[in-house]
Amino acid sequence: MMKQNTPVTLKFLAEKLKMSVSTVSKALNNYPTINEYTKKRVQEMAKDLRFTPNKSAINLKERKSRIIGVILPNLLDHYFTRTIYGLEQFATANGYNIIISQSQDDLEKEIQSANMLLRSRVDGLIIAISKHTQDYAHVDQFENIGTPVVYYARNPSFNLNCHKVLGNTFQGCYEATQFLIDRGHRKIAYLGGPKMISFTHDRFNGYINALRDNDIPFSSDFVAYTDFDQENTISAIQNLFADSENVPTALVAFKEPILFDAIKYLRSIKHPNFDKVECIGFGNNAFITYLDAPPIASIEENPESVGENAIKLLLQLINDQIEIQDYQKVMVDCKLVVH
C-alpha cells in the first residue's frame, strides 16, 4: 500500500495496469499507435491516482527546455499581438511554452533580450527585428551553439543567410494601388514607414510597380515617410498635400494608425477635397466596421498565419526535419478587404 504523500510514477502506473512503461507513456501522450481502449484505461487511472508527469525529468531526458523565445518590437502594435495568438496556439498544441520579450524598437533592448533568452536555454528563437537592427551578432550566437532562429514579420535584408517568415507586403501594396487605379485614380500618394529601414521597401516597391504596370508616371511629390510618431506623421501628410495645384486623390499608407492620423488631419484643416480622397492602409483593424466613414479598403496581412508559420518552421528546425543551414523563406499573402 502506498503512503499518502508518495508520488505516483510511470513505473507504478505500469505495474498497476500490467503494461510496459513505454505503453503507459505513449497512452498518456495520445500516440496514434496506441488503441483508444488502452488510452482510456491509462488516462482514467492516471486521473484517479492524480498522476503528474515529471516535466523536468522529461525535458532533461530529451535535452530540451520545451521553451521558445520570442522577441518583438511592441505588443501594443495590434499586428504583433495577432502574430502571438497564432504562434502560441501552435506552440501549446505541440507541448511548448513561449517567453515573449519586447525590444520597444530599441537595438540595445533587443540585444539584452537575446542574451536573456540565450541564458534561459530556449530551444529556439523567433524574432521581429527592431528598426535599428543592422548587425546580427546577438542573434547569430544562437545558431553558433545549434539553437535555430526564425526571423518573422520584418525582413532582415542585411542578413541573407537566415530562415524567415514574412507577410507578402509587396503583393498587398500592389493590389491596393491597382484597386485605386481601377477606380480611376491617377494621383495616388504613398505614406511609408521609416525611409532607411529595410523592411519598409517591399510595400513601396509594390506601389511603384503597380504605377509602372499601368503607365502612370512616378512622382516623388506623392511619397512621404514617417517614423510613426504623430508629429512626424503630420509633417509627412502636410508635404503630400502642400501643392494645391497637384493634390493626391488617393492614399496608400504603411499602417492604418498613420492613415487615421492623415484622415484626422485632413478633416481638421477642412481640406477642400477631403471627401474625395480614397484611402487604404495595412491592418484591417476590427473597429473599422464601426466607423461612419471608413477607408475605402484595408490590406489584411494575416498576422496569425505569419506567427503560426514561424513556429511551424522553428519546430521543424528543432526536430531536425530541416537543416539549420538549409535556409527557408515563407511568404504569407495579404488580402485586400473592401469596406
C-alpha atoms as a PDB file:
ATOM      1  CA  MET A   1       0.000   0.000   0.000  1.00  0.00           C
ATOM      2  CA  MET A   2       1.235   3.483  -0.966  1.00  0.00           C
ATOM      3  CA  LYS A   3       1.958   6.153   1.566  1.00  0.00           C
ATOM      4  CA  GLN A   4      -0.327   9.165   1.227  1.00  0.00           C
ATOM      5  CA  ASN A   5       2.433  11.535   0.015  1.00  0.00           C
ATOM      6  CA  THR A   6       4.233   9.041  -2.208  1.00  0.00           C
ATOM      7  CA  PRO A   7       4.250  10.412  -5.800  1.00  0.00           C
ATOM      8  CA  VAL A   8       2.664   8.234  -8.473  1.00  0.00           C
ATOM      9  CA  THR A   9       5.255   7.349 -11.107  1.00  0.00           C
ATOM     10  CA  LEU A  10       5.037   5.952 -14.614  1.00  0.00           C
ATOM     11  CA  LYS A  11       6.515   2.719 -13.301  1.00  0.00           C
ATOM     12  CA  PHE A  12       3.809   2.453 -10.613  1.00  0.00           C
ATOM     13  CA  LEU A  13       1.071   3.060 -13.193  1.00  0.00           C
ATOM     14  CA  ALA A  14       2.588   0.446 -15.492  1.00  0.00           C
ATOM     15  CA  GLU A  15       2.678  -2.139 -12.690  1.00  0.00           C
ATOM     16  CA  LYS A  16      -0.940  -1.435 -11.710  1.00  0.00           C
ATOM     17  CA  LEU A  17      -2.092  -1.742 -15.316  1.00  0.00           C
ATOM     18  CA  LYS A  18       0.246  -4.662 -16.126  1.00  0.00           C
ATOM     19  CA  MET A  19       1.658  -2.754 -19.089  1.00  0.00           C
ATOM     20  CA  SER A  20       5.111  -1.587 -20.090  1.00  0.00           C
ATOM     21  CA  VAL A  21       6.287   1.889 -19.038  1.00  0.00           C
ATOM     22  CA  SER A  22       6.618   2.770 -22.721  1.00  0.00           C
ATOM     23  CA  THR A  23       2.974   1.867 -23.470  1.00  0.00           C
ATOM     24  CA  VAL A  24       1.710   3.885 -20.499  1.00  0.00           C
ATOM     25  CA  SER A  25       3.794   6.893 -21.529  1.00  0.00           C
ATOM     26  CA  LYS A  26       2.536   6.752 -25.120  1.00  0.00           C
ATOM     27  CA  ALA A  27      -1.072   6.354 -23.990  1.00  0.00           C
ATOM     28  CA  LEU A  28      -0.771   9.427 -21.775  1.00  0.00           C
ATOM     29  CA  ASN A  29       0.619  11.394 -24.718  1.00  0.00           C
ATOM     30  CA  ASN A  30      -2.084  10.201 -27.151  1.00  0.00           C
ATOM     31  CA  TYR A  31       0.268   8.378 -29.512  1.00  0.00           C
ATOM     32  CA  PRO A  32      -1.707   7.216 -32.588  1.00  0.00           C
ATOM     33  CA  THR A  33      -0.094   3.743 -32.336  1.00  0.00           C
ATOM     34  CA  ILE A  34      -1.954   3.085 -29.047  1.00  0.00           C
ATOM     35  CA  ASN A  35      -5.582   1.961 -29.366  1.00  0.00           C
ATOM     36  CA  GLU A  36      -8.374   4.024 -27.819  1.00  0.00           C
ATOM     37  CA  TYR A  37      -9.314   1.395 -25.219  1.00  0.00           C
ATOM     38  CA  THR A  38      -5.778   1.313 -23.823  1.00  0.00           C
ATOM     39  CA  LYS A  39      -5.536   5.118 -23.836  1.00  0.00           C
ATOM     40  CA  LYS A  40      -8.799   5.375 -21.913  1.00  0.00           C
ATOM     41  CA  ARG A  41      -7.718   2.825 -19.268  1.00  0.00           C
ATOM     42  CA  VAL A  42      -4.363   4.505 -18.730  1.00  0.00           C
ATOM     43  CA  GLN A  43      -5.710   8.068 -18.671  1.00  0.00           C
ATOM     44  CA  GLU A  44      -8.555   7.198 -16.300  1.00  0.00           C
ATOM     45  CA  MET A  45      -6.213   5.522 -13.816  1.00  0.00           C
ATOM     46  CA  ALA A  46      -3.747   8.407 -14.095  1.00  0.00           C
ATOM     47  CA  LYS A  47      -6.584  10.804 -13.279  1.00  0.00           C
ATOM     48  CA  ASP A  48      -7.866   8.680 -10.398  1.00  0.00           C
ATOM     49  CA  LEU A  49      -4.390   8.428  -8.856  1.00  0.00           C
ATOM     50  CA  ARG A  50      -3.643  12.124  -9.589  1.00  0.00           C
ATOM     51  CA  PHE A  51      -0.593  11.269 -11.641  1.00  0.00           C
ATOM     52  CA  THR A  52       1.510  14.336 -12.590  1.00  0.00           C
ATOM     53  CA  PRO A  53       4.228  13.902 -15.245  1.00  0.00           C
ATOM     54  CA  ASN A  54       7.694  14.987 -14.171  1.00  0.00           C
ATOM     55  CA  LYS A  55       8.270  17.615 -16.842  1.00  0.00           C
ATOM     56  CA  SER A  56      11.775  18.417 -15.636  1.00  0.00           C
ATOM     57  CA  ALA A  57      12.818  14.791 -15.968  1.00  0.00           C
ATOM     58  CA  ILE A  58      11.217  14.525 -19.404  1.00  0.00           C
ATOM     59  CA  ASN A  59      12.933  17.685 -20.604  1.00  0.00           C
ATOM     60  CA  LEU A  60      16.283  16.576 -19.196  1.00  0.00           C
ATOM     61  CA  LYS A  61      15.985  13.244 -20.949  1.00  0.00           C
ATOM     62  CA  GLU A  62      15.092  14.954 -24.238  1.00  0.00           C
ATOM     63  CA  ARG A  63      17.795  17.612 -23.691  1.00  0.00           C
ATOM     64  CA  LYS A  64      15.137  20.239 -24.376  1.00  0.00           C
ATOM     65  CA  SER A  65      13.661  23.069 -22.323  1.00  0.00           C
ATOM     66  CA  ARG A  66      10.382  22.991 -24.317  1.00  0.00           C
ATOM     67  CA  ILE A  67      10.551  26.793 -24.307  1.00  0.00           C
ATOM     68  CA  ILE A  68      10.588  29.088 -27.351  1.00  0.00           C
ATOM     69  CA  GLY A  69      11.917  32.640 -27.084  1.00  0.00           C
ATOM     70  CA  VAL A  70      10.148  35.439 -28.964  1.00  0.00           C
ATOM     71  CA  ILE A  71      11.476  38.978 -29.400  1.00  0.00           C
ATOM     72  CA  LEU A  72       9.224  41.595 -30.969  1.00  0.00           C
ATOM     73  CA  PRO A  73       9.099  45.395 -31.038  1.00  0.00           C
ATOM     74  CA  ASN A  74       5.873  46.149 -29.166  1.00  0.00           C
ATOM     75  CA  LEU A  75       2.789  44.221 -28.072  1.00  0.00           C
ATOM     76  CA  LEU A  76       0.793  47.461 -28.235  1.00  0.00           C
ATOM     77  CA  ASP A  77       1.087  47.076 -32.004  1.00  0.00           C
ATOM     78  CA  HIS A  78      -2.022  45.037 -32.834  1.00  0.00           C
ATOM     79  CA  TYR A  79      -0.218  43.285 -35.680  1.00  0.00           C
ATOM     80  CA  PHE A  80       2.280  41.683 -33.300  1.00  0.00           C
ATOM     81  CA  THR A  81      -0.434  40.826 -30.772  1.00  0.00           C
ATOM     82  CA  ARG A  82      -2.193  38.882 -33.526  1.00  0.00           C
ATOM     83  CA  THR A  83       1.006  37.100 -34.578  1.00  0.00           C
ATOM     84  CA  ILE A  84       1.472  35.930 -30.980  1.00  0.00           C
ATOM     85  CA  TYR A  85      -2.042  34.484 -30.980  1.00  0.00           C
ATOM     86  CA  GLY A  86      -1.246  32.271 -33.982  1.00  0.00           C
ATOM     87  CA  LEU A  87       2.220  31.433 -32.690  1.00  0.00           C
ATOM     88  CA  GLU A  88       1.181  30.491 -29.158  1.00  0.00           C
ATOM     89  CA  GLN A  89      -1.765  28.364 -30.272  1.00  0.00           C
ATOM     90  CA  PHE A  90       0.501  26.128 -32.353  1.00  0.00           C
ATOM     91  CA  ALA A  91       3.312  26.076 -29.782  1.00  0.00           C
ATOM     92  CA  THR A  92       0.976  24.991 -26.968  1.00  0.00           C
ATOM     93  CA  ALA A  93      -0.574  22.268 -29.129  1.00  0.00           C
ATOM     94  CA  ASN A  94       2.920  20.885 -29.623  1.00  0.00           C
ATOM     95  CA  GLY A  95       3.951  20.950 -25.971  1.00  0.00           C
ATOM     96  CA  TYR A  96       5.967  24.188 -25.978  1.00  0.00           C
ATOM     97  CA  ASN A  97       5.742  27.352 -23.910  1.00  0.00           C
ATOM     98  CA  ILE A  98       6.897  30.765 -25.079  1.00  0.00           C
ATOM     99  CA  ILE A  99       8.750  33.624 -23.431  1.00  0.00           C
ATOM    100  CA  ILE A 100       7.931  36.996 -25.006  1.00  0.00           C
ATOM    101  CA  SER A 101      10.304  39.939 -24.764  1.00  0.00           C
ATOM    102  CA  GLN A 102       9.674  43.418 -26.188  1.00  0.00           C
ATOM    103  CA  SER A 103      12.522  45.471 -27.652  1.00  0.00           C
ATOM    104  CA  GLN A 104      10.444  48.686 -27.906  1.00  0.00           C
ATOM    105  CA  ASP A 105      12.187  49.049 -31.297  1.00  0.00           C
ATOM    106  CA  ASP A 106      15.438  49.718 -29.418  1.00  0.00           C
ATOM    107  CA  LEU A 107      18.544  47.796 -30.510  1.00  0.00           C
ATOM    108  CA  GLU A 108      20.123  47.719 -27.043  1.00  0.00           C
ATOM    109  CA  LYS A 109      16.958  46.281 -25.513  1.00  0.00           C
ATOM    110  CA  GLU A 110      16.836  43.719 -28.317  1.00  0.00           C
ATOM    111  CA  ILE A 111      20.413  42.648 -27.533  1.00  0.00           C
ATOM    112  CA  GLN A 112      19.579  42.395 -23.808  1.00  0.00           C
ATOM    113  CA  SER A 113      16.529  40.266 -24.603  1.00  0.00           C
ATOM    114  CA  ALA A 114      18.575  37.972 -26.833  1.00  0.00           C
ATOM    115  CA  ASN A 115      21.182  37.472 -24.103  1.00  0.00           C
ATOM    116  CA  MET A 116      18.481  36.748 -21.519  1.00  0.00           C
ATOM    117  CA  LEU A 117      16.847  34.126 -23.738  1.00  0.00           C
ATOM    118  CA  LEU A 118      20.215  32.563 -24.527  1.00  0.00           C
ATOM    119  CA  ARG A 119      20.893  32.157 -20.790  1.00  0.00           C
ATOM    120  CA  SER A 120      17.419  30.649 -20.410  1.00  0.00           C
ATOM    121  CA  ARG A 121      18.491  27.908 -22.846  1.00  0.00           C
ATOM    122  CA  VAL A 122      15.448  28.234 -25.085  1.00  0.00           C
ATOM    123  CA  ASP A 123      15.075  25.558 -27.753  1.00  0.00           C
ATOM    124  CA  GLY A 124      14.669  28.172 -30.473  1.00  0.00           C
ATOM    125  CA  LEU A 125      14.227  31.883 -31.153  1.00  0.00           C
ATOM    126  CA  ILE A 126      11.638  33.790 -33.196  1.00  0.00           C
ATOM    127  CA  ILE A 127      12.457  37.458 -33.710  1.00  0.00           C
ATOM    128  CA  ALA A 128      10.968  40.549 -35.360  1.00  0.00           C
ATOM    129  CA  ILE A 129      13.957  42.880 -35.544  1.00  0.00           C
ATOM    130  CA  SER A 130      13.956  46.469 -34.303  1.00  0.00           C
ATOM    131  CA  LYS A 131      14.002  49.284 -36.821  1.00  0.00           C
ATOM    132  CA  HIS A 132      17.653  49.948 -35.894  1.00  0.00           C
ATOM    133  CA  THR A 133      18.981  46.380 -36.340  1.00  0.00           C
ATOM    134  CA  GLN A 134      21.672  46.066 -39.000  1.00  0.00           C
ATOM    135  CA  ASP A 135      24.169  43.871 -37.161  1.00  0.00           C
ATOM    136  CA  TYR A 136      23.048  40.385 -36.175  1.00  0.00           C
ATOM    137  CA  ALA A 137      25.823  39.159 -33.864  1.00  0.00           C
ATOM    138  CA  HIS A 138      23.430  38.949 -30.895  1.00  0.00           C
ATOM    139  CA  VAL A 139      21.135  36.669 -32.931  1.00  0.00           C
ATOM    140  CA  ASP A 140      23.885  34.676 -34.646  1.00  0.00           C
ATOM    141  CA  GLN A 141      25.101  33.464 -31.237  1.00  0.00           C
ATOM    142  CA  PHE A 142      22.027  31.193 -31.060  1.00  0.00           C
ATOM    143  CA  GLU A 143      22.845  29.388 -34.296  1.00  0.00           C
ATOM    144  CA  ASN A 144      26.511  29.223 -33.268  1.00  0.00           C
ATOM    145  CA  ILE A 145      25.517  26.839 -30.462  1.00  0.00           C
ATOM    146  CA  GLY A 146      22.987  24.941 -32.585  1.00  0.00           C
ATOM    147  CA  THR A 147      19.819  26.780 -31.478  1.00  0.00           C
ATOM    148  CA  PRO A 148      17.661  27.577 -34.532  1.00  0.00           C
ATOM    149  CA  VAL A 149      16.399  31.083 -35.283  1.00  0.00           C
ATOM    150  CA  VAL A 150      13.453  32.228 -37.406  1.00  0.00           C
ATOM    151  CA  TYR A 151      13.053  35.897 -38.339  1.00  0.00           C
ATOM    152  CA  TYR A 152       9.462  36.947 -38.866  1.00  0.00           C
ATOM    153  CA  ALA A 153       7.240  39.893 -39.808  1.00  0.00           C
ATOM    154  CA  ARG A 154      10.179  42.208 -40.586  1.00  0.00           C
ATOM    155  CA  ASN A 155      12.602  41.335 -43.355  1.00  0.00           C
ATOM    156  CA  PRO A 156      16.252  41.260 -42.168  1.00  0.00           C
ATOM    157  CA  SER A 157      17.591  42.453 -45.520  1.00  0.00           C
ATOM    158  CA  PHE A 158      21.155  42.757 -44.212  1.00  0.00           C
ATOM    159  CA  ASN A 159      21.133  39.075 -43.233  1.00  0.00           C
ATOM    160  CA  LEU A 160      20.762  36.928 -46.348  1.00  0.00           C
ATOM    161  CA  ASN A 161      21.554  33.571 -44.732  1.00  0.00           C
ATOM    162  CA  CYS A 162      18.605  33.050 -42.425  1.00  0.00           C
ATOM    163  CA  HIS A 163      15.191  31.442 -42.023  1.00  0.00           C
ATOM    164  CA  LYS A 164      12.318  33.910 -42.319  1.00  0.00           C
ATOM    165  CA  VAL A 165       8.533  34.105 -42.452  1.00  0.00           C
ATOM    166  CA  LEU A 166       7.151  37.323 -43.896  1.00  0.00           C
ATOM    167  CA  GLY A 167       3.889  38.865 -44.973  1.00  0.00           C
ATOM    168  CA  ASN A 168       3.830  39.459 -48.725  1.00  0.00           C
ATOM    169  CA  THR A 169       3.563  43.225 -48.360  1.00  0.00           C
ATOM    170  CA  PHE A 170       4.778  43.782 -51.945  1.00  0.00           C
ATOM    171  CA  GLN A 171       1.716  41.898 -53.204  1.00  0.00           C
ATOM    172  CA  GLY A 172      -0.530  43.666 -50.690  1.00  0.00           C
ATOM    173  CA  CYS A 173       0.569  47.161 -51.666  1.00  0.00           C
ATOM    174  CA  TYR A 174       0.477  46.309 -55.380  1.00  0.00           C
ATOM    175  CA  GLU A 175      -3.144  45.122 -55.105  1.00  0.00           C
ATOM    176  CA  ALA A 176      -4.147  48.194 -53.077  1.00  0.00           C
ATOM    177  CA  THR A 177      -2.599  50.571 -55.619  1.00  0.00           C
ATOM    178  CA  GLN A 178      -4.130  48.626 -58.520  1.00  0.00           C
ATOM    179  CA  PHE A 179      -7.539  48.791 -56.820  1.00  0.00           C
ATOM    180  CA  LEU A 180      -7.289  52.594 -56.617  1.00  0.00           C
ATOM    181  CA  ILE A 181      -6.114  52.818 -60.224  1.00  0.00           C
ATOM    182  CA  ASP A 182      -9.106  50.708 -61.309  1.00  0.00           C
ATOM    183  CA  ARG A 183     -11.330  53.230 -59.508  1.00  0.00           C
ATOM    184  CA  GLY A 184      -9.961  55.954 -61.775  1.00  0.00           C
ATOM    185  CA  HIS A 185      -7.216  57.462 -59.598  1.00  0.00           C
ATOM    186  CA  ARG A 186      -4.003  58.679 -61.221  1.00  0.00           C
ATOM    187  CA  LYS A 187      -2.637  60.807 -58.371  1.00  0.00           C
ATOM    188  CA  ILE A 188      -2.029  58.203 -55.690  1.00  0.00           C
ATOM    189  CA  ALA A 189       0.150  59.124 -52.699  1.00  0.00           C
ATOM    190  CA  TYR A 190       2.197  56.696 -50.627  1.00  0.00           C
ATOM    191  CA  LEU A 191       2.805  57.303 -46.904  1.00  0.00           C
ATOM    192  CA  GLY A 192       5.581  54.954 -45.813  1.00  0.00           C
ATOM    193  CA  GLY A 193       7.371  53.923 -42.649  1.00  0.00           C
ATOM    194  CA  PRO A 194      10.932  54.946 -41.739  1.00  0.00           C
ATOM    195  CA  LYS A 195      12.682  55.599 -45.051  1.00  0.00           C
ATOM    196  CA  MET A 196      16.021  53.922 -44.331  1.00  0.00           C
ATOM    197  CA  ILE A 197      14.568  50.789 -42.719  1.00  0.00           C
ATOM    198  CA  SER A 198      14.931  47.667 -44.836  1.00  0.00           C
ATOM    199  CA  PHE A 199      11.550  46.147 -44.035  1.00  0.00           C
ATOM    200  CA  THR A 200       9.641  49.139 -45.442  1.00  0.00           C
ATOM    201  CA  HIS A 201      10.883  48.688 -49.007  1.00  0.00           C
ATOM    202  CA  ASP A 202       8.583  45.860 -50.155  1.00  0.00           C
ATOM    203  CA  ARG A 203       5.453  47.974 -49.713  1.00  0.00           C
ATOM    204  CA  PHE A 204       6.959  50.866 -51.644  1.00  0.00           C
ATOM    205  CA  ASN A 205       8.107  48.544 -54.446  1.00  0.00           C
ATOM    206  CA  GLY A 206       4.569  47.164 -54.740  1.00  0.00           C
ATOM    207  CA  TYR A 207       3.266  50.724 -55.069  1.00  0.00           C
ATOM    208  CA  ILE A 208       5.686  51.841 -57.788  1.00  0.00           C
ATOM    209  CA  ASN A 209       5.347  48.578 -59.731  1.00  0.00           C
ATOM    210  CA  ALA A 210       1.573  48.983 -59.884  1.00  0.00           C
ATOM    211  CA  LEU A 211       2.036  52.540 -61.195  1.00  0.00           C
ATOM    212  CA  ARG A 212       4.550  51.360 -63.782  1.00  0.00           C
ATOM    213  CA  ASP A 213       2.370  48.476 -64.986  1.00  0.00           C
ATOM    214  CA  ASN A 214      -0.437  50.970 -65.609  1.00  0.00           C
ATOM    215  CA  ASP A 215       1.786  53.545 -67.358  1.00  0.00           C
ATOM    216  CA  ILE A 216       1.309  56.090 -64.578  1.00  0.00           C
ATOM    217  CA  PRO A 217       4.425  58.277 -64.068  1.00  0.00           C
ATOM    218  CA  PHE A 218       6.008  58.061 -60.631  1.00  0.00           C
ATOM    219  CA  SER A 219       6.208  61.382 -58.761  1.00  0.00           C
ATOM    220  CA  SER A 220       8.363  61.832 -55.671  1.00  0.00           C
ATOM    221  CA  ASP A 221       5.929  64.621 -54.653  1.00  0.00           C
ATOM    222  CA  PHE A 222       3.407  61.907 -53.842  1.00  0.00           C
ATOM    223  CA  VAL A 223       5.714  59.969 -51.500  1.00  0.00           C
ATOM    224  CA  ALA A 224       6.431  60.764 -47.844  1.00  0.00           C
ATOM    225  CA  TYR A 225       7.779  58.848 -44.850  1.00  0.00           C
ATOM    226  CA  THR A 226       7.204  58.865 -41.118  1.00  0.00           C
ATOM    227  CA  ASP A 227       8.895  57.382 -38.044  1.00  0.00           C
ATOM    228  CA  PHE A 228       5.385  56.600 -36.726  1.00  0.00           C
ATOM    229  CA  ASP A 229       5.204  59.386 -34.114  1.00  0.00           C
ATOM    230  CA  GLN A 230       2.219  61.696 -34.642  1.00  0.00           C
ATOM    231  CA  GLU A 231       4.186  64.902 -35.173  1.00  0.00           C
ATOM    232  CA  ASN A 232       6.361  63.284 -37.827  1.00  0.00           C
ATOM    233  CA  THR A 233       3.279  61.799 -39.493  1.00  0.00           C
ATOM    234  CA  ILE A 234       1.503  65.169 -39.649  1.00  0.00           C
ATOM    235  CA  SER A 235       4.586  66.738 -41.217  1.00  0.00           C
ATOM    236  CA  ALA A 236       4.657  63.996 -43.858  1.00  0.00           C
ATOM    237  CA  ILE A 237       0.950  64.490 -44.645  1.00  0.00           C
ATOM    238  CA  GLN A 238       1.438  68.248 -44.944  1.00  0.00           C
ATOM    239  CA  ASN A 239       4.178  67.629 -47.503  1.00  0.00           C
ATOM    240  CA  LEU A 240       1.935  65.302 -49.526  1.00  0.00           C
ATOM    241  CA  PHE A 241      -0.934  67.789 -49.686  1.00  0.00           C
ATOM    242  CA  ALA A 242       1.080  71.018 -49.812  1.00  0.00           C
ATOM    243  CA  ASP A 243       0.665  71.760 -53.553  1.00  0.00           C
ATOM    244  CA  SER A 244      -2.946  72.822 -54.133  1.00  0.00           C
ATOM    245  CA  GLU A 245      -2.367  72.514 -57.904  1.00  0.00           C
ATOM    246  CA  ASN A 246      -1.216  68.897 -57.654  1.00  0.00           C
ATOM    247  CA  VAL A 247      -3.177  67.216 -54.862  1.00  0.00           C
ATOM    248  CA  PRO A 248      -3.364  63.418 -54.429  1.00  0.00           C
ATOM    249  CA  THR A 249      -6.818  61.928 -54.881  1.00  0.00           C
ATOM    250  CA  ALA A 250      -5.933  58.682 -53.103  1.00  0.00           C
ATOM    251  CA  LEU A 251      -3.537  57.463 -50.431  1.00  0.00           C
ATOM    252  CA  VAL A 252      -1.903  54.131 -49.532  1.00  0.00           C
ATOM    253  CA  ALA A 253      -0.436  54.022 -46.013  1.00  0.00           C
ATOM    254  CA  PHE A 254       2.170  51.774 -44.380  1.00  0.00           C
ATOM    255  CA  LYS A 255      -0.067  51.214 -41.324  1.00  0.00           C
ATOM    256  CA  GLU A 256      -3.651  52.094 -40.501  1.00  0.00           C
ATOM    257  CA  PRO A 257      -2.736  54.151 -37.399  1.00  0.00           C
ATOM    258  CA  ILE A 258      -0.815  56.630 -39.561  1.00  0.00           C
ATOM    259  CA  LEU A 259      -3.643  56.519 -42.095  1.00  0.00           C
ATOM    260  CA  PHE A 260      -6.097  57.539 -39.351  1.00  0.00           C
ATOM    261  CA  ASP A 261      -3.723  60.369 -38.380  1.00  0.00           C
ATOM    262  CA  ALA A 262      -3.812  61.509 -42.019  1.00  0.00           C
ATOM    263  CA  ILE A 263      -7.604  61.384 -42.204  1.00  0.00           C
ATOM    264  CA  LYS A 264      -7.932  63.242 -38.891  1.00  0.00           C
ATOM    265  CA  TYR A 265      -5.528  65.961 -40.038  1.00  0.00           C
ATOM    266  CA  LEU A 266      -7.197  66.499 -43.435  1.00  0.00           C
ATOM    267  CA  ARG A 267     -10.570  66.749 -41.717  1.00  0.00           C
ATOM    268  CA  SER A 268      -9.227  69.213 -39.115  1.00  0.00           C
ATOM    269  CA  ILE A 269      -7.908  71.631 -41.740  1.00  0.00           C
ATOM    270  CA  LYS A 270     -11.139  71.243 -43.775  1.00  0.00           C
ATOM    271  CA  HIS A 271      -9.188  70.137 -46.825  1.00  0.00           C
ATOM    272  CA  PRO A 272     -11.361  71.095 -49.833  1.00  0.00           C
ATOM    273  CA  ASN A 273     -11.131  67.646 -51.447  1.00  0.00           C
ATOM    274  CA  PHE A 274     -11.209  65.614 -48.230  1.00  0.00           C
ATOM    275  CA  ASP A 275     -14.441  63.744 -49.087  1.00  0.00           C
ATOM    276  CA  LYS A 276     -12.993  62.671 -52.439  1.00  0.00           C
ATOM    277  CA  VAL A 277      -9.676  61.271 -51.129  1.00  0.00           C
ATOM    278  CA  GLU A 278      -9.881  57.465 -51.022  1.00  0.00           C
ATOM    279  CA  CYS A 279      -7.525  55.750 -48.554  1.00  0.00           C
ATOM    280  CA  ILE A 280      -6.168  52.263 -47.926  1.00  0.00           C
ATOM    281  CA  GLY A 281      -3.882  51.146 -45.096  1.00  0.00           C
ATOM    282  CA  PHE A 282      -2.252  47.964 -43.864  1.00  0.00           C
ATOM    283  CA  GLY A 283      -4.016  46.481 -40.853  1.00  0.00           C
ATOM    284  CA  ASN A 284      -7.750  45.851 -41.286  1.00  0.00           C
ATOM    285  CA  ASN A 285      -8.486  46.813 -37.664  1.00  0.00           C
ATOM    286  CA  ALA A 286     -11.736  45.332 -36.363  1.00  0.00           C
ATOM    287  CA  PHE A 287     -13.167  48.696 -35.253  1.00  0.00           C
ATOM    288  CA  ILE A 288     -13.254  49.952 -38.862  1.00  0.00           C
ATOM    289  CA  THR A 289     -16.656  48.322 -39.278  1.00  0.00           C
ATOM    290  CA  TYR A 290     -17.993  50.729 -36.626  1.00  0.00           C
ATOM    291  CA  LEU A 291     -16.815  53.898 -38.414  1.00  0.00           C
ATOM    292  CA  ASP A 292     -19.375  56.097 -40.180  1.00  0.00           C
ATOM    293  CA  ALA A 293     -16.862  56.871 -42.927  1.00  0.00           C
ATOM    294  CA  PRO A 294     -14.337  54.008 -43.078  1.00  0.00           C
ATOM    295  CA  PRO A 295     -11.407  53.906 -45.506  1.00  0.00           C
ATOM    296  CA  ILE A 296     -12.392  52.524 -48.913  1.00  0.00           C
ATOM    297  CA  ALA A 297     -10.424  49.324 -48.161  1.00  0.00           C
ATOM    298  CA  SER A 298      -7.787  47.713 -45.937  1.00  0.00           C
ATOM    299  CA  ILE A 299      -4.871  45.385 -46.528  1.00  0.00           C
ATOM    300  CA  GLU A 300      -5.278  42.332 -44.289  1.00  0.00           C
ATOM    301  CA  GLU A 301      -1.798  40.983 -43.502  1.00  0.00           C
ATOM    302  CA  ASN A 302      -2.987  37.718 -41.893  1.00  0.00           C
ATOM    303  CA  PRO A 303      -0.623  38.085 -38.903  1.00  0.00           C
ATOM    304  CA  GLU A 304      -1.985  34.970 -37.145  1.00  0.00           C
ATOM    305  CA  SER A 305      -0.812  32.944 -40.131  1.00  0.00           C
ATOM    306  CA  VAL A 306       2.585  34.686 -40.065  1.00  0.00           C
ATOM    307  CA  GLY A 307       3.001  33.699 -36.398  1.00  0.00           C
ATOM    308  CA  GLU A 308       1.812  30.136 -36.967  1.00  0.00           C
ATOM    309  CA  ASN A 309       4.120  29.634 -39.939  1.00  0.00           C
ATOM    310  CA  ALA A 310       7.053  31.000 -37.916  1.00  0.00           C
ATOM    311  CA  ILE A 311       6.558  28.477 -35.097  1.00  0.00           C
ATOM    312  CA  LYS A 312       5.919  25.636 -37.581  1.00  0.00           C
ATOM    313  CA  LEU A 313       9.212  26.361 -39.300  1.00  0.00           C
ATOM    314  CA  LEU A 314      11.068  26.663 -35.994  1.00  0.00           C
ATOM    315  CA  LEU A 315       9.741  23.325 -34.725  1.00  0.00           C
ATOM    316  CA  GLN A 316      10.821  21.671 -37.971  1.00  0.00           C
ATOM    317  CA  LEU A 317      14.313  23.012 -37.305  1.00  0.00           C
ATOM    318  CA  ILE A 318      14.249  21.926 -33.653  1.00  0.00           C
ATOM    319  CA  ASN A 319      13.152  18.421 -34.662  1.00  0.00           C
ATOM    320  CA  ASP A 320      15.869  18.184 -37.348  1.00  0.00           C
ATOM    321  CA  GLN A 321      13.333  17.961 -40.169  1.00  0.00           C
ATOM    322  CA  ILE A 322      15.165  20.842 -41.832  1.00  0.00           C
ATOM    323  CA  GLU A 323      18.895  21.516 -41.626  1.00  0.00           C
ATOM    324  CA  ILE A 324      19.746  24.783 -39.855  1.00  0.00           C
ATOM    325  CA  GLN A 325      21.734  25.950 -42.891  1.00  0.00           C
ATOM    326  CA  ASP A 326      19.027  24.942 -45.405  1.00  0.00           C
ATOM    327  CA  TYR A 327      17.607  28.456 -45.241  1.00  0.00           C
ATOM    328  CA  GLN A 328      13.861  28.776 -45.817  1.00  0.00           C
ATOM    329  CA  LYS A 329      11.750  31.765 -46.849  1.00  0.00           C
ATOM    330  CA  VAL A 330       7.996  31.511 -46.250  1.00  0.00           C
ATOM    331  CA  MET A 331       5.676  34.185 -47.610  1.00  0.00           C
ATOM    332  CA  VAL A 332       2.120  34.749 -46.338  1.00  0.00           C
ATOM    333  CA  ASP A 333      -0.099  36.569 -48.826  1.00  0.00           C
ATOM    334  CA  CYS A 334      -2.071  39.667 -47.909  1.00  0.00           C
ATOM    335  CA  LYS A 335      -5.718  40.188 -48.816  1.00  0.00           C
ATOM    336  CA  LEU A 336      -7.475  43.355 -49.940  1.00  0.00           C
ATOM    337  CA  VAL A 337     -10.628  43.868 -47.865  1.00  0.00           C
ATOM    338  CA  VAL A 338     -13.107  46.346 -49.367  1.00  0.00           C
ATOM    339  CA  HIS A 339     -15.279  48.166 -46.795  1.00  0.00           C
END
